[in-house]
Amino acid sequence: MKDKESTILFLDDQGQEIEFMVLEQTTLAGTNYLLVADSVEEDGTVLIMKEISLDGEYVSYEIVEDEEELEIISKIFNELIEDFDLTV
């Protein structure tokens, strides 16, 4: 059973909706970050997304692609989640 509060819809470049499960959330230097996965299976995709804008009740996120930022945030998520090893 899915908890809708723990999922996020992401629009890809073609405008198709992709649903991600939110595994964890953190804030660093005033920026909100989400650790999301498209599947609970081992071969699923895991991404780190950061909040880029807040418009009323809608929030926009983008995938973190900067290597240095990814390394810093992945270390934080590794500390927050037991038995989880996120490597960049």
PDB file of N, CA and C in Angstrom:
ATOM      1  N   MET A   1       0.834  -1.176   0.000  1.00  0.00           N
ATOM      2  CA  MET A   1       0.000   0.000   0.000  1.00  0.00           C
ATOM      3  C   MET A   1       0.882   1.242   0.000  1.00  0.00           C
ATOM      4  N   LYS A   2       0.624   2.188  -0.880  1.00  0.00           N
ATOM      5  CA  LYS A   2       1.423   3.399  -0.993  1.00  0.00           C
ATOM      6  C   LYS A   2       0.848   4.507  -0.131  1.00  0.00           C
ATOM      7  N   ASP A   3       1.712   5.200   0.541  1.00  0.00           N
ATOM      8  CA  ASP A   3       1.346   6.378   1.303  1.00  0.00           C
ATOM      9  C   ASP A   3       1.589   7.574   0.387  1.00  0.00           C
ATOM     10  N   LYS A   4       0.530   8.259  -0.024  1.00  0.00           N
ATOM     11  CA  LYS A   4       0.672   9.350  -0.982  1.00  0.00           C
ATOM     12  C   LYS A   4       1.532  10.483  -0.457  1.00  0.00           C
ATOM     13  N   GLU A   5       1.649  10.620   0.880  1.00  0.00           N
ATOM     14  CA  GLU A   5       2.508  11.654   1.427  1.00  0.00           C
ATOM     15  C   GLU A   5       3.979  11.301   1.256  1.00  0.00           C
ATOM     16  N   SER A   6       4.292  10.056   0.941  1.00  0.00           N
ATOM     17  CA  SER A   6       5.689   9.665   0.788  1.00  0.00           C
ATOM     18  C   SER A   6       6.050   9.419  -0.670  1.00  0.00           C
ATOM     19  N   THR A   7       5.283  10.002  -1.585  1.00  0.00           N
ATOM     20  CA  THR A   7       5.605   9.912  -3.007  1.00  0.00           C
ATOM     21  C   THR A   7       5.649  11.314  -3.599  1.00  0.00           C
ATOM     22  N   ILE A   8       6.351  11.420  -4.713  1.00  0.00           N
ATOM     23  CA  ILE A   8       6.465  12.682  -5.429  1.00  0.00           C
ATOM     24  C   ILE A   8       6.345  12.385  -6.916  1.00  0.00           C
ATOM     25  N   LEU A   9       5.667  13.255  -7.647  1.00  0.00           N
ATOM     26  CA  LEU A   9       5.562  13.109  -9.095  1.00  0.00           C
ATOM     27  C   LEU A   9       6.598  14.008  -9.745  1.00  0.00           C
ATOM     28  N   PHE A  10       7.324  13.433 -10.691  1.00  0.00           N
ATOM     29  CA  PHE A  10       8.371  14.144 -11.402  1.00  0.00           C
ATOM     30  C   PHE A  10       8.012  14.119 -12.876  1.00  0.00           C
ATOM     31  N   LEU A  11       8.110  15.254 -13.562  1.00  0.00           N
ATOM     32  CA  LEU A  11       7.860  15.308 -14.999  1.00  0.00           C
ATOM     33  C   LEU A  11       9.185  15.200 -15.732  1.00  0.00           C
ATOM     34  N   ASP A  12       9.289  14.218 -16.643  1.00  0.00           N
ATOM     35  CA  ASP A  12      10.525  14.069 -17.406  1.00  0.00           C
ATOM     36  C   ASP A  12      10.536  15.063 -18.568  1.00  0.00           C
ATOM     37  N   ASP A  13      11.560  14.995 -19.411  1.00  0.00           N
ATOM     38  CA  ASP A  13      11.708  15.939 -20.522  1.00  0.00           C
ATOM     39  C   ASP A  13      10.571  15.858 -21.536  1.00  0.00           C
ATOM     40  N   GLN A  14       9.897  14.715 -21.600  1.00  0.00           N
ATOM     41  CA  GLN A  14       8.770  14.537 -22.522  1.00  0.00           C
ATOM     42  C   GLN A  14       7.426  14.867 -21.861  1.00  0.00           C
ATOM     43  N   GLY A  15       7.465  15.322 -20.604  1.00  0.00           N
ATOM     44  CA  GLY A  15       6.244  15.684 -19.893  1.00  0.00           C
ATOM     45  C   GLY A  15       5.510  14.511 -19.274  1.00  0.00           C
ATOM     46  N   GLN A  16       6.127  13.333 -19.269  1.00  0.00           N
ATOM     47  CA  GLN A  16       5.504  12.161 -18.660  1.00  0.00           C
ATOM     48  C   GLN A  16       5.755  12.175 -17.161  1.00  0.00           C
ATOM     49  N   GLU A  17       4.723  11.784 -16.399  1.00  0.00           N
ATOM     50  CA  GLU A  17       4.857  11.725 -14.951  1.00  0.00           C
ATOM     51  C   GLU A  17       5.540  10.431 -14.516  1.00  0.00           C
ATOM     52  N   ILE A  18       6.491  10.566 -13.605  1.00  0.00           N
ATOM     53  CA  ILE A  18       7.169   9.425 -13.002  1.00  0.00           C
ATOM     54  C   ILE A  18       6.973   9.569 -11.499  1.00  0.00           C
ATOM     55  N   GLU A  19       6.493   8.512 -10.862  1.00  0.00           N
ATOM     56  CA  GLU A  19       6.272   8.567  -9.428  1.00  0.00           C
ATOM     57  C   GLU A  19       7.491   8.002  -8.694  1.00  0.00           C
ATOM     58  N   PHE A  20       8.010   8.779  -7.756  1.00  0.00           N
ATOM     59  CA  PHE A  20       9.128   8.358  -6.926  1.00  0.00           C
ATOM     60  C   PHE A  20       8.681   8.251  -5.483  1.00  0.00           C
ATOM     61  N   MET A  21       9.224   7.271  -4.782  1.00  0.00           N
ATOM     62  CA  MET A  21       8.992   7.147  -3.350  1.00  0.00           C
ATOM     63  C   MET A  21      10.033   7.984  -2.630  1.00  0.00           C
ATOM     64  N   VAL A  22       9.603   8.760  -1.659  1.00  0.00           N
ATOM     65  CA  VAL A  22      10.516   9.576  -0.876  1.00  0.00           C
ATOM     66  C   VAL A  22      11.063   8.711   0.256  1.00  0.00           C
ATOM     67  N   LEU A  23      12.366   8.461   0.221  1.00  0.00           N
ATOM     68  CA  LEU A  23      13.020   7.633   1.234  1.00  0.00           C
ATOM     69  C   LEU A  23      13.445   8.444   2.449  1.00  0.00           C
ATOM     70  N   GLU A  24      13.873   9.696   2.201  1.00  0.00           N
ATOM     71  CA  GLU A  24      14.349  10.546   3.292  1.00  0.00           C
ATOM     72  C   GLU A  24      14.358  11.984   2.811  1.00  0.00           C
ATOM     73  N   GLN A  25      14.368  12.913   3.747  1.00  0.00           N
ATOM     74  CA  GLN A  25      14.402  14.340   3.450  1.00  0.00           C
ATOM     75  C   GLN A  25      15.380  14.992   4.410  1.00  0.00           C
ATOM     76  N   THR A  26      16.102  16.001   3.936  1.00  0.00           N
ATOM     77  CA  THR A  26      16.991  16.771   4.799  1.00  0.00           C
ATOM     78  C   THR A  26      17.083  18.200   4.273  1.00  0.00           C
ATOM     79  N   THR A  27      17.564  19.086   5.126  1.00  0.00           N
ATOM     80  CA  THR A  27      17.770  20.484   4.745  1.00  0.00           C
ATOM     81  C   THR A  27      19.213  20.852   5.057  1.00  0.00           C
ATOM     82  N   LEU A  28      19.866  21.478   4.103  1.00  0.00           N
ATOM     83  CA  LEU A  28      21.249  21.916   4.272  1.00  0.00           C
ATOM     84  C   LEU A  28      21.357  23.344   3.749  1.00  0.00           C
ATOM     85  N   ALA A  29      21.832  24.236   4.589  1.00  0.00           N
ATOM     86  CA  ALA A  29      22.008  25.646   4.219  1.00  0.00           C
ATOM     87  C   ALA A  29      20.723  26.243   3.642  1.00  0.00           C
ATOM     88  N   GLY A  30      19.589  25.871   4.223  1.00  0.00           N
ATOM     89  CA  GLY A  30      18.302  26.411   3.801  1.00  0.00           C
ATOM     90  C   GLY A  30      17.703  25.778   2.558  1.00  0.00           C
ATOM     91  N   THR A  31      18.365  24.779   1.986  1.00  0.00           N
ATOM     92  CA  THR A  31      17.860  24.088   0.800  1.00  0.00           C
ATOM     93  C   THR A  31      17.349  22.714   1.200  1.00  0.00           C
ATOM     94  N   ASN A  32      16.144  22.379   0.761  1.00  0.00           N
ATOM     95  CA  ASN A  32      15.558  21.070   1.041  1.00  0.00           C
ATOM     96  C   ASN A  32      15.981  20.058  -0.013  1.00  0.00           C
ATOM     97  N   TYR A  33      16.349  18.867   0.451  1.00  0.00           N
ATOM     98  CA  TYR A  33      16.763  17.777  -0.423  1.00  0.00           C
ATOM     99  C   TYR A  33      15.910  16.549  -0.144  1.00  0.00           C
ATOM    100  N   LEU A  34      15.612  15.785  -1.209  1.00  0.00           N
ATOM    101  CA  LEU A  34      14.887  14.527  -1.081  1.00  0.00           C
ATOM    102  C   LEU A  34      15.734  13.399  -1.649  1.00  0.00           C
ATOM    103  N   LEU A  35      15.712  12.268  -0.971  1.00  0.00           N
ATOM    104  CA  LEU A  35      16.281  11.033  -1.500  1.00  0.00           C
ATOM    105  C   LEU A  35      15.091  10.224  -1.982  1.00  0.00           C
ATOM    106  N   VAL A  36      15.021   9.949  -3.285  1.00  0.00           N
ATOM    107  CA  VAL A  36      13.864   9.281  -3.864  1.00  0.00           C
ATOM    108  C   VAL A  36      14.296   8.042  -4.639  1.00  0.00           C
ATOM    109  N   ALA A  37      13.350   7.098  -4.804  1.00  0.00           N
ATOM    110  CA  ALA A  37      13.604   5.876  -5.568  1.00  0.00           C
ATOM    111  C   ALA A  37      12.373   5.563  -6.408  1.00  0.00           C
ATOM    112  N   ASP A  38      12.596   4.974  -7.581  1.00  0.00           N
ATOM    113  CA  ASP A  38      11.461   4.604  -8.428  1.00  0.00           C
ATOM    114  C   ASP A  38      10.968   3.193  -8.143  1.00  0.00           C
ATOM    115  N   SER A  39      11.690   2.457  -7.288  1.00  0.00           N
ATOM    116  CA  SER A  39      11.338   1.078  -6.984  1.00  0.00           C
ATOM    117  C   SER A  39      11.983   0.672  -5.670  1.00  0.00           C
ATOM    118  N   VAL A  40      11.376  -0.290  -4.996  1.00  0.00           N
ATOM    119  CA  VAL A  40      11.990  -0.826  -3.784  1.00  0.00           C
ATOM    120  C   VAL A  40      12.937  -1.976  -4.107  1.00  0.00           C
ATOM    121  N   GLU A  41      12.990  -2.375  -5.359  1.00  0.00           N
ATOM    122  CA  GLU A  41      13.881  -3.450  -5.798  1.00  0.00           C
ATOM    123  C   GLU A  41      15.324  -2.955  -5.817  1.00  0.00           C
ATOM    124  N   GLU A  42      16.270  -3.888  -5.717  1.00  0.00           N
ATOM    125  CA  GLU A  42      17.684  -3.513  -5.709  1.00  0.00           C
ATOM    126  C   GLU A  42      18.150  -2.836  -6.989  1.00  0.00           C
ATOM    127  N   ASP A  43      17.503  -3.127  -8.121  1.00  0.00           N
ATOM    128  CA  ASP A  43      17.933  -2.532  -9.384  1.00  0.00           C
ATOM    129  C   ASP A  43      17.180  -1.240  -9.702  1.00  0.00           C
ATOM    130  N   GLY A  44      16.456  -0.697  -8.719  1.00  0.00           N
ATOM    131  CA  GLY A  44      15.724   0.554  -8.917  1.00  0.00           C
ATOM    132  C   GLY A  44      16.671   1.738  -8.982  1.00  0.00           C
ATOM    133  N   THR A  45      16.141   2.850  -9.446  1.00  0.00           N
ATOM    134  CA  THR A  45      16.912   4.078  -9.557  1.00  0.00           C
ATOM    135  C   THR A  45      16.725   4.913  -8.301  1.00  0.00           C
ATOM    136  N   VAL A  46      17.823   5.400  -7.733  1.00  0.00           N
ATOM    137  CA  VAL A  46      17.798   6.277  -6.567  1.00  0.00           C
ATOM    138  C   VAL A  46      18.391   7.614  -6.991  1.00  0.00           C
ATOM    139  N   LEU A  47      17.693   8.695  -6.657  1.00  0.00           N
ATOM    140  CA  LEU A  47      18.129  10.036  -7.023  1.00  0.00           C
ATOM    141  C   LEU A  47      18.090  10.956  -5.811  1.00  0.00           C
ATOM    142  N   ILE A  48      18.916  11.980  -5.856  1.00  0.00           N
ATOM    143  CA  ILE A  48      18.823  13.060  -4.886  1.00  0.00           C
ATOM    144  C   ILE A  48      18.275  14.262  -5.649  1.00  0.00           C
ATOM    145  N   MET A  49      17.204  14.836  -5.101  1.00  0.00           N
ATOM    146  CA  MET A  49      16.573  15.991  -5.734  1.00  0.00           C
ATOM    147  C   MET A  49      16.606  17.154  -4.756  1.00  0.00           C
ATOM    148  N   LYS A  50      16.726  18.374  -5.303  1.00  0.00           N
ATOM    149  CA  LYS A  50      16.708  19.536  -4.423  1.00  0.00           C
ATOM    150  C   LYS A  50      15.588  20.480  -4.837  1.00  0.00           C
ATOM    151  N   GLU A  51      15.026  21.128  -3.821  1.00  0.00           N
ATOM    152  CA  GLU A  51      13.947  22.078  -4.035  1.00  0.00           C
ATOM    153  C   GLU A  51      14.509  23.322  -4.705  1.00  0.00           C
ATOM    154  N   ILE A  52      13.853  23.729  -5.795  1.00  0.00           N
ATOM    155  CA  ILE A  52      14.331  24.926  -6.488  1.00  0.00           C
ATOM    156  C   ILE A  52      13.324  26.068  -6.428  1.00  0.00           C
ATOM    157  N   SER A  53      12.050  25.753  -6.166  1.00  0.00           N
ATOM    158  CA  SER A  53      11.072  26.827  -6.013  1.00  0.00           C
ATOM    159  C   SER A  53       9.842  26.331  -5.278  1.00  0.00           C
ATOM    160  N   LEU A  54       9.180  27.256  -4.629  1.00  0.00           N
ATOM    161  CA  LEU A  54       7.956  26.985  -3.891  1.00  0.00           C
ATOM    162  C   LEU A  54       6.932  28.009  -4.358  1.00  0.00           C
ATOM    163  N   ASP A  55       5.830  27.524  -4.953  1.00  0.00           N
ATOM    164  CA  ASP A  55       4.795  28.406  -5.489  1.00  0.00           C
ATOM    165  C   ASP A  55       3.457  27.970  -4.911  1.00  0.00           C
ATOM    166  N   GLY A  56       3.052  28.607  -3.824  1.00  0.00           N
ATOM    167  CA  GLY A  56       1.806  28.211  -3.175  1.00  0.00           C
ATOM    168  C   GLY A  56       1.936  26.821  -2.600  1.00  0.00           C
ATOM    169  N   GLU A  57       1.081  25.908  -3.055  1.00  0.00           N
ATOM    170  CA  GLU A  57       1.142  24.525  -2.563  1.00  0.00           C
ATOM    171  C   GLU A  57       1.978  23.623  -3.467  1.00  0.00           C
ATOM    172  N   TYR A  58       2.580  24.174  -4.531  1.00  0.00           N
ATOM    173  CA  TYR A  58       3.402  23.395  -5.449  1.00  0.00           C
ATOM    174  C   TYR A  58       4.885  23.655  -5.202  1.00  0.00           C
ATOM    175  N   VAL A  59       5.656  22.575  -5.247  1.00  0.00           N
ATOM    176  CA  VAL A  59       7.096  22.667  -5.054  1.00  0.00           C
ATOM    177  C   VAL A  59       7.776  22.084  -6.291  1.00  0.00           C
ATOM    178  N   SER A  60       8.820  22.747  -6.752  1.00  0.00           N
ATOM    179  CA  SER A  60       9.593  22.239  -7.891  1.00  0.00           C
ATOM    180  C   SER A  60      10.931  21.719  -7.397  1.00  0.00           C
ATOM    181  N   TYR A  61      11.328  20.564  -7.928  1.00  0.00           N
ATOM    182  CA  TYR A  61      12.603  19.946  -7.593  1.00  0.00           C
ATOM    183  C   TYR A  61      13.374  19.680  -8.872  1.00  0.00           C
ATOM    184  N   GLU A  62      14.688  19.629  -8.741  1.00  0.00           N
ATOM    185  CA  GLU A  62      15.530  19.194  -9.853  1.00  0.00           C
ATOM    186  C   GLU A  62      16.504  18.151  -9.327  1.00  0.00           C
ATOM    187  N   ILE A  63      16.954  17.304 -10.227  1.00  0.00           N
ATOM    188  CA  ILE A  63      17.917  16.266  -9.861  1.00  0.00           C
ATOM    189  C   ILE A  63      19.272  16.923  -9.627  1.00  0.00           C
ATOM    190  N   VAL A  64      19.902  16.583  -8.510  1.00  0.00           N
ATOM    191  CA  VAL A  64      21.229  17.116  -8.197  1.00  0.00           C
ATOM    192  C   VAL A  64      22.240  16.407  -9.092  1.00  0.00           C
ATOM    193  N   GLU A  65      22.982  17.180  -9.880  1.00  0.00           N
ATOM    194  CA  GLU A  65      23.969  16.607 -10.790  1.00  0.00           C
ATOM    195  C   GLU A  65      25.394  17.041 -10.476  1.00  0.00           C
ATOM    196  N   ASP A  66      25.556  18.090  -9.677  1.00  0.00           N
ATOM    197  CA  ASP A  66      26.878  18.581  -9.307  1.00  0.00           C
ATOM    198  C   ASP A  66      27.568  17.547  -8.415  1.00  0.00           C
ATOM    199  N   GLU A  67      28.753  17.087  -8.830  1.00  0.00           N
ATOM    200  CA  GLU A  67      29.474  16.019  -8.125  1.00  0.00           C
ATOM    201  C   GLU A  67      29.752  16.360  -6.660  1.00  0.00           C
ATOM    202  N   GLU A  68      30.214  17.566  -6.404  1.00  0.00           N
ATOM    203  CA  GLU A  68      30.555  17.971  -5.033  1.00  0.00           C
ATOM    204  C   GLU A  68      29.301  18.014  -4.153  1.00  0.00           C
ATOM    205  N   GLU A  69      28.235  18.587  -4.675  1.00  0.00           N
ATOM    206  CA  GLU A  69      26.978  18.656  -3.942  1.00  0.00           C
ATOM    207  C   GLU A  69      26.419  17.257  -3.677  1.00  0.00           C
ATOM    208  N   LEU A  70      26.499  16.380  -4.685  1.00  0.00           N
ATOM    209  CA  LEU A  70      26.039  14.999  -4.524  1.00  0.00           C
ATOM    210  C   LEU A  70      26.799  14.282  -3.418  1.00  0.00           C
ATOM    211  N   GLU A  71      28.098  14.463  -3.396  1.00  0.00           N
ATOM    212  CA  GLU A  71      28.918  13.799  -2.381  1.00  0.00           C
ATOM    213  C   GLU A  71      28.548  14.254  -0.967  1.00  0.00           C
ATOM    214  N   ILE A  72      28.376  15.548  -0.794  1.00  0.00           N
ATOM    215  CA  ILE A  72      28.024  16.088   0.524  1.00  0.00           C
ATOM    216  C   ILE A  72      26.664  15.578   0.977  1.00  0.00           C
ATOM    217  N   ILE A  73      25.676  15.670   0.107  1.00  0.00           N
ATOM    218  CA  ILE A  73      24.308  15.276   0.475  1.00  0.00           C
ATOM    219  C   ILE A  73      24.203  13.763   0.647  1.00  0.00           C
ATOM    220  N   SER A  74      24.904  12.991  -0.175  1.00  0.00           N
ATOM    221  CA  SER A  74      24.828  11.532  -0.033  1.00  0.00           C
ATOM    222  C   SER A  74      25.397  11.086   1.317  1.00  0.00           C
ATOM    223  N   LYS A  75      26.437  11.769   1.812  1.00  0.00           N
ATOM    224  CA  LYS A  75      26.981  11.445   3.133  1.00  0.00           C
ATOM    225  C   LYS A  75      25.938  11.689   4.223  1.00  0.00           C
ATOM    226  N   ILE A  76      25.196  12.771   4.093  1.00  0.00           N
ATOM    227  CA  ILE A  76      24.146  13.075   5.070  1.00  0.00           C
ATOM    228  C   ILE A  76      23.068  12.004   5.036  1.00  0.00           C
ATOM    229  N   PHE A  77      22.619  11.625   3.838  1.00  0.00           N
ATOM    230  CA  PHE A  77      21.581  10.592   3.734  1.00  0.00           C
ATOM    231  C   PHE A  77      22.080   9.247   4.264  1.00  0.00           C
ATOM    232  N   ASN A  78      23.346   8.925   4.041  1.00  0.00           N
ATOM    233  CA  ASN A  78      23.905   7.680   4.581  1.00  0.00           C
ATOM    234  C   ASN A  78      23.858   7.667   6.108  1.00  0.00           C
ATOM    235  N   GLU A  79      24.064   8.824   6.728  1.00  0.00           N
ATOM    236  CA  GLU A  79      23.983   8.910   8.182  1.00  0.00           C
ATOM    237  C   GLU A  79      22.539   8.819   8.681  1.00  0.00           C
ATOM    238  N   LEU A  80      21.607   9.347   7.902  1.00  0.00           N
ATOM    239  CA  LEU A  80      20.202   9.371   8.318  1.00  0.00           C
ATOM    240  C   LEU A  80      19.504   8.021   8.182  1.00  0.00           C
ATOM    241  N   ILE A  81      19.925   7.220   7.211  1.00  0.00           N
ATOM    242  CA  ILE A  81      19.240   5.951   6.945  1.00  0.00           C
ATOM    243  C   ILE A  81      20.133   4.788   7.352  1.00  0.00           C
ATOM    244  N   GLU A  82      19.637   3.969   8.278  1.00  0.00           N
ATOM    245  CA  GLU A  82      20.353   2.769   8.702  1.00  0.00           C
ATOM    246  C   GLU A  82      20.400   1.751   7.571  1.00  0.00           C
ATOM    247  N   ASP A  83      21.449   0.979   7.494  1.00  0.00           N
ATOM    248  CA  ASP A  83      21.597  -0.092   6.506  1.00  0.00           C
ATOM    249  C   ASP A  83      21.423   0.400   5.073  1.00  0.00           C
ATOM    250  N   PHE A  84      21.931   1.598   4.799  1.00  0.00           N
ATOM    251  CA  PHE A  84      21.825   2.174   3.457  1.00  0.00           C
ATOM    252  C   PHE A  84      23.178   2.724   3.086  1.00  0.00           C
ATOM    253  N   ASP A  85      23.664   2.395   1.901  1.00  0.00           N
ATOM    254  CA  ASP A  85      24.961   2.873   1.461  1.00  0.00           C
ATOM    255  C   ASP A  85      24.810   3.498   0.089  1.00  0.00           C
ATOM    256  N   LEU A  86      24.693   4.814   0.080  1.00  0.00           N
ATOM    257  CA  LEU A  86      24.554   5.569  -1.160  1.00  0.00           C
ATOM    258  C   LEU A  86      25.920   6.029  -1.594  1.00  0.00           C
ATOM    259  N   THR A  87      26.364   5.558  -2.754  1.00  0.00           N
ATOM    260  CA  THR A  87      27.657   5.984  -3.280  1.00  0.00           C
ATOM    261  C   THR A  87      27.446   6.744  -4.573  1.00  0.00           C
ATOM    262  N   VAL A  88      28.288   7.734  -4.797  1.00  0.00           N
ATOM    263  CA  VAL A  88      28.164   8.584  -5.985  1.00  0.00           C
ATOM    264  C   VAL A  88      29.115   8.103  -7.051  1.00  0.00           C
TER     265      VAL A  88
END
